[in-house]
Full PDB file with SEQRES, HELIX, SHEET, SSBOND, CRYST1, ORIGX, SCALE, CONECT and MASTER records, all heavy atoms in Angstrom:
SEQRES   1 A   36  THR GLY THR SER TYR PRO LEU GLY ASN VAL THR ALA VAL          
SEQRES   2 A   36  VAL THR ASP ASP THR GLY ALA PRO VAL ASP GLN VAL GLN          
SEQRES   3 A   36  VAL ASP LEU MET LEU PRO ASP LYS ALA THR                      
CRYST1    1.000    1.000    1.000  90.00  90.00  90.00 P 1           1          
ORIGX1      1.000000  0.000000  0.000000        0.00000                         
ORIGX2      0.000000  1.000000  0.000000        0.00000                         
ORIGX3      0.000000  0.000000  1.000000        0.00000                         
SCALE1      1.000000  0.000000  0.000000        0.00000                         
SCALE2      0.000000  1.000000  0.000000        0.00000                         
SCALE3      0.000000  0.000000  1.000000        0.00000                         
ATOM      1  N   THR A   1     112.414  65.091  99.631  1.00  0.00           N  
ATOM      2  CA  THR A   1     111.810  64.348  98.538  1.00  0.00           C  
ATOM      3  C   THR A   1     111.803  65.109  97.260  1.00  0.00           C  
ATOM      4  O   THR A   1     111.393  64.592  96.238  1.00  0.00           O  
ATOM      5  CB  THR A   1     110.403  63.921  98.870  1.00  0.00           C  
ATOM      6  OG1 THR A   1     109.598  65.068  99.020  1.00  0.00           O  
ATOM      7  CG2 THR A   1     110.333  63.050 100.129  1.00  0.00           C  
ATOM      8  N   GLY A   2     112.148  66.402  97.278  1.00  0.00           N  
ATOM      9  CA  GLY A   2     112.189  67.190  96.068  1.00  0.00           C  
ATOM     10  C   GLY A   2     110.878  67.970  95.921  1.00  0.00           C  
ATOM     11  O   GLY A   2     110.723  68.600  94.923  1.00  0.00           O  
ATOM     12  N   THR A   3     110.032  67.800  96.863  1.00  0.00           N  
ATOM     13  CA  THR A   3     108.790  68.568  96.852  1.00  0.00           C  
ATOM     14  C   THR A   3     109.102  70.030  96.966  1.00  0.00           C  
ATOM     15  O   THR A   3     109.859  70.491  97.781  1.00  0.00           O  
ATOM     16  CB  THR A   3     107.789  68.212  97.996  1.00  0.00           C  
ATOM     17  OG1 THR A   3     107.627  66.773  97.979  1.00  0.00           O  
ATOM     18  CG2 THR A   3     106.500  68.928  97.975  1.00  0.00           C  
ATOM     19  N   SER A   4     108.479  70.808  96.029  1.00  0.00           N  
ATOM     20  CA  SER A   4     108.676  72.268  96.122  1.00  0.00           C  
ATOM     21  C   SER A   4     107.479  72.974  96.668  1.00  0.00           C  
ATOM     22  O   SER A   4     106.321  72.532  96.491  1.00  0.00           O  
ATOM     23  CB  SER A   4     109.046  72.855  94.751  1.00  0.00           C  
ATOM     24  OG  SER A   4     107.934  72.656  93.846  1.00  0.00           O  
ATOM     25  N   TYR A   5     107.762  74.034  97.392  1.00  0.00           N  
ATOM     26  CA  TYR A   5     106.689  74.773  98.029  1.00  0.00           C  
ATOM     27  C   TYR A   5     106.627  76.166  97.399  1.00  0.00           C  
ATOM     28  O   TYR A   5     107.659  76.714  96.974  1.00  0.00           O  
ATOM     29  CB  TYR A   5     106.917  74.900  99.547  1.00  0.00           C  
ATOM     30  CG  TYR A   5     106.977  73.641 100.248  1.00  0.00           C  
ATOM     31  CD1 TYR A   5     108.129  72.939 100.429  1.00  0.00           C  
ATOM     32  CD2 TYR A   5     105.747  73.081 100.683  1.00  0.00           C  
ATOM     33  CE1 TYR A   5     108.160  71.663 101.113  1.00  0.00           C  
ATOM     34  CE2 TYR A   5     105.754  71.851 101.347  1.00  0.00           C  
ATOM     35  CZ  TYR A   5     106.959  71.140 101.556  1.00  0.00           C  
ATOM     36  OH  TYR A   5     106.927  69.909 102.158  1.00  0.00           O  
ATOM     37  N   PRO A   6     105.472  76.737  97.216  1.00  0.00           N  
ATOM     38  CA  PRO A   6     105.372  78.053  96.590  1.00  0.00           C  
ATOM     39  C   PRO A   6     106.099  79.096  97.403  1.00  0.00           C  
ATOM     40  O   PRO A   6     105.943  79.126  98.658  1.00  0.00           O  
ATOM     41  CB  PRO A   6     103.833  78.343  96.560  1.00  0.00           C  
ATOM     42  CG  PRO A   6     103.196  77.418  97.515  1.00  0.00           C  
ATOM     43  CD  PRO A   6     104.162  76.189  97.651  1.00  0.00           C  
ATOM     44  N   LEU A   7     106.899  79.866  96.721  1.00  0.00           N  
ATOM     45  CA  LEU A   7     107.653  80.892  97.413  1.00  0.00           C  
ATOM     46  C   LEU A   7     107.417  82.267  96.775  1.00  0.00           C  
ATOM     47  O   LEU A   7     107.086  82.428  95.611  1.00  0.00           O  
ATOM     48  CB  LEU A   7     109.186  80.614  97.220  1.00  0.00           C  
ATOM     49  CG  LEU A   7     109.705  79.380  97.793  1.00  0.00           C  
ATOM     50  CD1 LEU A   7     111.222  79.147  97.482  1.00  0.00           C  
ATOM     51  CD2 LEU A   7     109.526  79.281  99.316  1.00  0.00           C  
ATOM     52  N   GLY A   8     107.593  83.301  97.535  1.00  0.00           N  
ATOM     53  CA  GLY A   8     107.479  84.693  97.141  1.00  0.00           C  
ATOM     54  C   GLY A   8     108.585  85.428  97.806  1.00  0.00           C  
ATOM     55  O   GLY A   8     109.443  84.826  98.506  1.00  0.00           O  
ATOM     56  N   ASN A   9     108.637  86.703  97.682  1.00  0.00           N  
ATOM     57  CA  ASN A   9     109.724  87.475  98.275  1.00  0.00           C  
ATOM     58  C   ASN A   9     109.128  88.738  99.074  1.00  0.00           C  
ATOM     59  O   ASN A   9     108.155  89.232  98.768  1.00  0.00           O  
ATOM     60  CB  ASN A   9     110.582  88.117  97.146  1.00  0.00           C  
ATOM     61  CG  ASN A   9     111.211  86.951  96.361  1.00  0.00           C  
ATOM     62  OD1 ASN A   9     112.101  86.289  96.842  1.00  0.00           O  
ATOM     63  ND2 ASN A   9     110.801  86.781  95.127  1.00  0.00           N  
ATOM     64  N   VAL A  10     109.924  89.017 100.141  1.00  0.00           N  
ATOM     65  CA  VAL A  10     109.636  90.178 100.969  1.00  0.00           C  
ATOM     66  C   VAL A  10     110.895  90.999 101.061  1.00  0.00           C  
ATOM     67  O   VAL A  10     111.974  90.470 101.407  1.00  0.00           O  
ATOM     68  CB  VAL A  10     109.162  89.749 102.388  1.00  0.00           C  
ATOM     69  CG1 VAL A  10     108.958  91.069 103.270  1.00  0.00           C  
ATOM     70  CG2 VAL A  10     107.915  88.970 102.303  1.00  0.00           C  
ATOM     71  N   THR A  11     110.769  92.293 100.726  1.00  0.00           N  
ATOM     72  CA  THR A  11     111.935  93.230 100.786  1.00  0.00           C  
ATOM     73  C   THR A  11     111.537  94.365 101.712  1.00  0.00           C  
ATOM     74  O   THR A  11     110.451  94.892 101.590  1.00  0.00           O  
ATOM     75  CB  THR A  11     112.265  93.791  99.374  1.00  0.00           C  
ATOM     76  OG1 THR A  11     112.610  92.710  98.582  1.00  0.00           O  
ATOM     77  CG2 THR A  11     113.384  94.767  99.518  1.00  0.00           C  
ATOM     78  N   ALA A  12     112.416  94.710 102.598  1.00  0.00           N  
ATOM     79  CA  ALA A  12     112.198  95.887 103.507  1.00  0.00           C  
ATOM     80  C   ALA A  12     113.141  96.946 103.032  1.00  0.00           C  
ATOM     81  O   ALA A  12     114.346  96.696 102.776  1.00  0.00           O  
ATOM     82  CB  ALA A  12     112.482  95.532 104.957  1.00  0.00           C  
ATOM     83  N   VAL A  13     112.608  98.176 102.820  1.00  0.00           N  
ATOM     84  CA  VAL A  13     113.420  99.257 102.384  1.00  0.00           C  
ATOM     85  C   VAL A  13     113.515 100.265 103.577  1.00  0.00           C  
ATOM     86  O   VAL A  13     112.435 100.703 104.122  1.00  0.00           O  
ATOM     87  CB  VAL A  13     112.865  99.994 101.195  1.00  0.00           C  
ATOM     88  CG1 VAL A  13     113.669 101.268 100.798  1.00  0.00           C  
ATOM     89  CG2 VAL A  13     112.753  99.048 100.006  1.00  0.00           C  
ATOM     90  N   VAL A  14     114.713 100.519 104.083  1.00  0.00           N  
ATOM     91  CA  VAL A  14     114.896 101.342 105.306  1.00  0.00           C  
ATOM     92  C   VAL A  14     115.614 102.641 104.948  1.00  0.00           C  
ATOM     93  O   VAL A  14     116.668 102.612 104.377  1.00  0.00           O  
ATOM     94  CB  VAL A  14     115.689 100.550 106.361  1.00  0.00           C  
ATOM     95  CG1 VAL A  14     115.766 101.325 107.673  1.00  0.00           C  
ATOM     96  CG2 VAL A  14     114.974  99.188 106.636  1.00  0.00           C  
ATOM     97  N   THR A  15     114.949 103.724 105.328  1.00  0.00           N  
ATOM     98  CA  THR A  15     115.605 105.057 105.049  1.00  0.00           C  
ATOM     99  C   THR A  15     115.549 105.870 106.352  1.00  0.00           C  
ATOM    100  O   THR A  15     114.784 105.543 107.302  1.00  0.00           O  
ATOM    101  CB  THR A  15     114.815 105.852 103.960  1.00  0.00           C  
ATOM    102  OG1 THR A  15     113.470 106.019 104.410  1.00  0.00           O  
ATOM    103  CG2 THR A  15     114.865 105.084 102.646  1.00  0.00           C  
ATOM    104  N   ASP A  16     116.320 106.931 106.370  1.00  0.00           N  
ATOM    105  CA  ASP A  16     116.288 107.797 107.527  1.00  0.00           C  
ATOM    106  C   ASP A  16     115.341 108.972 107.273  1.00  0.00           C  
ATOM    107  O   ASP A  16     114.598 108.967 106.255  1.00  0.00           O  
ATOM    108  CB  ASP A  16     117.677 108.343 107.890  1.00  0.00           C  
ATOM    109  CG  ASP A  16     118.314 109.247 106.824  1.00  0.00           C  
ATOM    110  OD1 ASP A  16     117.578 109.693 105.923  1.00  0.00           O  
ATOM    111  OD2 ASP A  16     119.488 109.603 106.890  1.00  0.00           O  
ATOM    112  N   ASP A  17     115.300 109.876 108.221  1.00  0.00           N  
ATOM    113  CA  ASP A  17     114.321 111.041 108.122  1.00  0.00           C  
ATOM    114  C   ASP A  17     114.485 111.845 106.816  1.00  0.00           C  
ATOM    115  O   ASP A  17     113.509 112.434 106.340  1.00  0.00           O  
ATOM    116  CB  ASP A  17     114.542 112.016 109.291  1.00  0.00           C  
ATOM    117  CG  ASP A  17     114.259 111.428 110.626  1.00  0.00           C  
ATOM    118  OD1 ASP A  17     114.669 110.273 110.856  1.00  0.00           O  
ATOM    119  OD2 ASP A  17     113.740 112.127 111.471  1.00  0.00           O  
ATOM    120  N   THR A  18     115.648 111.893 106.276  1.00  0.00           N  
ATOM    121  CA  THR A  18     115.881 112.626 105.068  1.00  0.00           C  
ATOM    122  C   THR A  18     115.659 111.749 103.742  1.00  0.00           C  
ATOM    123  O   THR A  18     115.742 112.332 102.646  1.00  0.00           O  
ATOM    124  CB  THR A  18     117.359 113.157 104.979  1.00  0.00           C  
ATOM    125  OG1 THR A  18     118.211 112.060 104.840  1.00  0.00           O  
ATOM    126  CG2 THR A  18     117.703 113.909 106.292  1.00  0.00           C  
ATOM    127  N   GLY A  19     115.377 110.530 103.894  1.00  0.00           N  
ATOM    128  CA  GLY A  19     115.125 109.661 102.780  1.00  0.00           C  
ATOM    129  C   GLY A  19     116.420 108.907 102.273  1.00  0.00           C  
ATOM    130  O   GLY A  19     116.376 108.116 101.319  1.00  0.00           O  
ATOM    131  N   ALA A  20     117.537 109.108 103.014  1.00  0.00           N  
ATOM    132  CA  ALA A  20     118.782 108.380 102.701  1.00  0.00           C  
ATOM    133  C   ALA A  20     118.719 106.939 103.144  1.00  0.00           C  
ATOM    134  O   ALA A  20     118.146 106.665 104.209  1.00  0.00           O  
ATOM    135  CB  ALA A  20     119.972 109.082 103.278  1.00  0.00           C  
ATOM    136  N   PRO A  21     119.189 105.978 102.386  1.00  0.00           N  
ATOM    137  CA  PRO A  21     119.173 104.593 102.751  1.00  0.00           C  
ATOM    138  C   PRO A  21     120.034 104.379 104.072  1.00  0.00           C  
ATOM    139  O   PRO A  21     121.059 105.025 104.254  1.00  0.00           O  
ATOM    140  CB  PRO A  21     119.807 103.813 101.595  1.00  0.00           C  
ATOM    141  CG  PRO A  21     120.423 104.823 100.704  1.00  0.00           C  
ATOM    142  CD  PRO A  21     119.931 106.209 101.090  1.00  0.00           C  
ATOM    143  N   VAL A  22     119.459 103.490 104.909  1.00  0.00           N  
ATOM    144  CA  VAL A  22     120.139 103.162 106.181  1.00  0.00           C  
ATOM    145  C   VAL A  22     120.681 101.692 105.981  1.00  0.00           C  
ATOM    146  O   VAL A  22     119.963 100.792 105.680  1.00  0.00           O  
ATOM    147  CB  VAL A  22     119.167 103.194 107.359  1.00  0.00           C  
ATOM    148  CG1 VAL A  22     119.878 102.772 108.619  1.00  0.00           C  
ATOM    149  CG2 VAL A  22     118.617 104.622 107.494  1.00  0.00           C  
ATOM    150  N   ASP A  23     122.014 101.547 106.116  1.00  0.00           N  
ATOM    151  CA  ASP A  23     122.555 100.206 106.042  1.00  0.00           C  
ATOM    152  C   ASP A  23     122.927  99.641 107.348  1.00  0.00           C  
ATOM    153  O   ASP A  23     123.028 100.290 108.383  1.00  0.00           O  
ATOM    154  CB  ASP A  23     123.811 100.221 105.062  1.00  0.00           C  
ATOM    155  CG  ASP A  23     124.942 100.939 105.680  1.00  0.00           C  
ATOM    156  OD1 ASP A  23     124.784 101.822 106.520  1.00  0.00           O  
ATOM    157  OD2 ASP A  23     126.105 100.659 105.194  1.00  0.00           O  
ATOM    158  N   GLN A  24     123.123  98.325 107.352  1.00  0.00           N  
ATOM    159  CA  GLN A  24     123.544  97.587 108.516  1.00  0.00           C  
ATOM    160  C   GLN A  24     122.552  97.624 109.723  1.00  0.00           C  
ATOM    161  O   GLN A  24     122.953  97.680 110.856  1.00  0.00           O  
ATOM    162  CB  GLN A  24     124.930  97.997 109.000  1.00  0.00           C  
ATOM    163  CG  GLN A  24     126.018  97.736 107.953  1.00  0.00           C  
ATOM    164  CD  GLN A  24     126.059  96.291 107.443  1.00  0.00           C  
ATOM    165  OE1 GLN A  24     126.220  95.428 108.336  1.00  0.00           O  
ATOM    166  NE2 GLN A  24     125.956  96.069 106.208  1.00  0.00           N  
ATOM    167  N   VAL A  25     121.230  97.628 109.423  1.00  0.00           N  
ATOM    168  CA  VAL A  25     120.251  97.461 110.450  1.00  0.00           C  
ATOM    169  C   VAL A  25     119.482  96.162 110.235  1.00  0.00           C  
ATOM    170  O   VAL A  25     119.299  95.752 109.099  1.00  0.00           O  
ATOM    171  CB  VAL A  25     119.245  98.646 110.550  1.00  0.00           C  
ATOM    172  CG1 VAL A  25     119.995  99.946 111.005  1.00  0.00           C  
ATOM    173  CG2 VAL A  25     118.479  98.900 109.320  1.00  0.00           C  
ATOM    174  N   GLN A  26     119.028  95.544 111.337  1.00  0.00           N  
ATOM    175  CA  GLN A  26     118.278  94.295 111.263  1.00  0.00           C  
ATOM    176  C   GLN A  26     116.832  94.615 111.108  1.00  0.00           C  
ATOM    177  O   GLN A  26     116.281  95.551 111.657  1.00  0.00           O  
ATOM    178  CB  GLN A  26     118.524  93.520 112.562  1.00  0.00           C  
ATOM    179  CG  GLN A  26     117.726  92.243 112.663  1.00  0.00           C  
ATOM    180  CD  GLN A  26     118.016  91.535 113.987  1.00  0.00           C  
ATOM    181  OE1 GLN A  26     119.122  91.520 114.455  1.00  0.00           O  
ATOM    182  NE2 GLN A  26     116.940  90.955 114.534  1.00  0.00           N  
ATOM    183  N   VAL A  27     116.185  93.786 110.269  1.00  0.00           N  
ATOM    184  CA  VAL A  27     114.700  93.765 110.089  1.00  0.00           C  
ATOM    185  C   VAL A  27     114.268  92.286 110.196  1.00  0.00           C  
ATOM    186  O   VAL A  27     114.956  91.332 109.729  1.00  0.00           O  
ATOM    187  CB  VAL A  27     114.342  94.367 108.724  1.00  0.00           C  
ATOM    188  CG1 VAL A  27     112.840  94.468 108.618  1.00  0.00           C  
ATOM    189  CG2 VAL A  27     114.990  95.739 108.499  1.00  0.00           C  
ATOM    190  N   ASP A  28     113.186  92.093 110.939  1.00  0.00           N  
ATOM    191  CA  ASP A  28     112.703  90.751 111.197  1.00  0.00           C  
ATOM    192  C   ASP A  28     111.442  90.456 110.422  1.00  0.00           C  
ATOM    193  O   ASP A  28     110.568  91.311 110.214  1.00  0.00           O  
ATOM    194  CB  ASP A  28     112.452  90.576 112.642  1.00  0.00           C  
ATOM    195  CG  ASP A  28     113.722  90.614 113.534  1.00  0.00           C  
ATOM    196  OD1 ASP A  28     114.834  90.329 112.962  1.00  0.00           O  
ATOM    197  OD2 ASP A  28     113.661  90.903 114.683  1.00  0.00           O  
ATOM    198  N   LEU A  29     111.300  89.244 110.011  1.00  0.00           N  
ATOM    199  CA  LEU A  29     110.068  88.698 109.374  1.00  0.00           C  
ATOM    200  C   LEU A  29     109.441  87.704 110.396  1.00  0.00           C  
ATOM    201  O   LEU A  29     110.139  86.689 110.750  1.00  0.00           O  
ATOM    202  CB  LEU A  29     110.389  88.004 108.055  1.00  0.00           C  
ATOM    203  CG  LEU A  29     109.160  87.583 107.232  1.00  0.00           C  
ATOM    204  CD1 LEU A  29     108.425  88.818 106.722  1.00  0.00           C  
ATOM    205  CD2 LEU A  29     109.597  86.809 105.985  1.00  0.00           C  
ATOM    206  N   MET A  30     108.261  88.061 110.887  1.00  0.00           N  
ATOM    207  CA  MET A  30     107.673  87.245 111.965  1.00  0.00           C  
ATOM    208  C   MET A  30     106.348  86.684 111.488  1.00  0.00           C  
ATOM    209  O   MET A  30     105.698  87.256 110.557  1.00  0.00           O  
ATOM    210  CB  MET A  30     107.417  88.106 113.148  1.00  0.00           C  
ATOM    211  CG  MET A  30     108.699  88.726 113.647  1.00  0.00           C  
ATOM    212  SD  MET A  30     108.490  89.764 115.119  1.00  0.00           S  
ATOM    213  CE  MET A  30     108.373  88.489 116.374  1.00  0.00           C  
ATOM    214  N   LEU A  31     105.910  85.628 112.149  1.00  0.00           N  
ATOM    215  CA  LEU A  31     104.577  85.123 111.921  1.00  0.00           C  
ATOM    216  C   LEU A  31     103.569  86.073 112.602  1.00  0.00           C  
ATOM    217  O   LEU A  31     103.914  86.814 113.479  1.00  0.00           O  
ATOM    218  CB  LEU A  31     104.389  83.697 112.423  1.00  0.00           C  
ATOM    219  CG  LEU A  31     105.290  82.645 111.681  1.00  0.00           C  
ATOM    220  CD1 LEU A  31     105.003  81.251 112.239  1.00  0.00           C  
ATOM    221  CD2 LEU A  31     105.012  82.659 110.200  1.00  0.00           C  
ATOM    222  N   PRO A  32     102.318  86.026 112.207  1.00  0.00           N  
ATOM    223  CA  PRO A  32     101.318  86.943 112.713  1.00  0.00           C  
ATOM    224  C   PRO A  32     101.099  86.880 114.236  1.00  0.00           C  
ATOM    225  O   PRO A  32     100.518  87.786 114.880  1.00  0.00           O  
ATOM    226  CB  PRO A  32     100.037  86.622 111.948  1.00  0.00           C  
ATOM    227  CG  PRO A  32     100.495  86.066 110.735  1.00  0.00           C  
ATOM    228  CD  PRO A  32     101.781  85.287 111.041  1.00  0.00           C  
ATOM    229  N   ASP A  33     101.639  85.792 114.864  1.00  0.00           N  
ATOM    230  CA  ASP A  33     101.416  85.705 116.327  1.00  0.00           C  
ATOM    231  C   ASP A  33     102.361  86.726 117.081  1.00  0.00           C  
ATOM    232  O   ASP A  33     102.216  86.856 118.350  1.00  0.00           O  
ATOM    233  CB  ASP A  33     101.684  84.294 116.818  1.00  0.00           C  
ATOM    234  CG  ASP A  33     103.066  83.789 116.564  1.00  0.00           C  
ATOM    235  OD1 ASP A  33     103.974  84.559 116.158  1.00  0.00           O  
ATOM    236  OD2 ASP A  33     103.343  82.620 116.838  1.00  0.00           O  
ATOM    237  N   LYS A  34     103.222  87.404 116.379  1.00  0.00           N  
ATOM    238  CA  LYS A  34     104.210  88.362 116.971  1.00  0.00           C  
ATOM    239  C   LYS A  34     105.169  87.706 117.926  1.00  0.00           C  
ATOM    240  O   LYS A  34     105.877  88.425 118.676  1.00  0.00           O  
ATOM    241  CB  LYS A  34     103.500  89.506 117.640  1.00  0.00           C  
ATOM    242  CG  LYS A  34     102.713  90.414 116.801  1.00  0.00           C  
ATOM    243  CD  LYS A  34     102.145  91.587 117.563  1.00  0.00           C  
ATOM    244  CE  LYS A  34     101.297  92.450 116.645  1.00  0.00           C  
ATOM    245  NZ  LYS A  34     100.743  93.566 117.393  1.00  0.00           N  
ATOM    246  N   ALA A  35     105.265  86.406 117.883  1.00  0.00           N  
ATOM    247  CA  ALA A  35     106.134  85.690 118.766  1.00  0.00           C  
ATOM    248  C   ALA A  35     107.134  84.773 118.048  1.00  0.00           C  
ATOM    249  O   ALA A  35     108.207  84.490 118.483  1.00  0.00           O  
ATOM    250  CB  ALA A  35     105.424  84.812 119.724  1.00  0.00           C  
ATOM    251  N   THR A  36     106.779  84.289 116.845  1.00  0.00           N  
ATOM    252  CA  THR A  36     107.604  83.452 116.047  1.00  0.00           C  
ATOM    253  C   THR A  36     108.428  84.223 115.001  1.00  0.00           C  
ATOM    254  O   THR A  36     107.936  84.793 114.061  1.00  0.00           O  
ATOM    255  CB  THR A  36     106.732  82.354 115.400  1.00  0.00           C  
ATOM    256  OG1 THR A  36     105.885  81.771 116.335  1.00  0.00           O  
ATOM    257  CG2 THR A  36     107.610  81.302 114.672  1.00  0.00           C  
TER     258      THR A  36                                                      
MASTER        0    0    0    0    0    0    0    6  257    1    0    3          
END                                                                             
């Protein structure tokens, strides 16, 4: 219907032990139930 919902953004920054960026790894955004 064109209804818009409020949106925000989540960014995950992944580095290794030395602080170098790590590419091509998966990160998940889950609901607080830890199942969804």
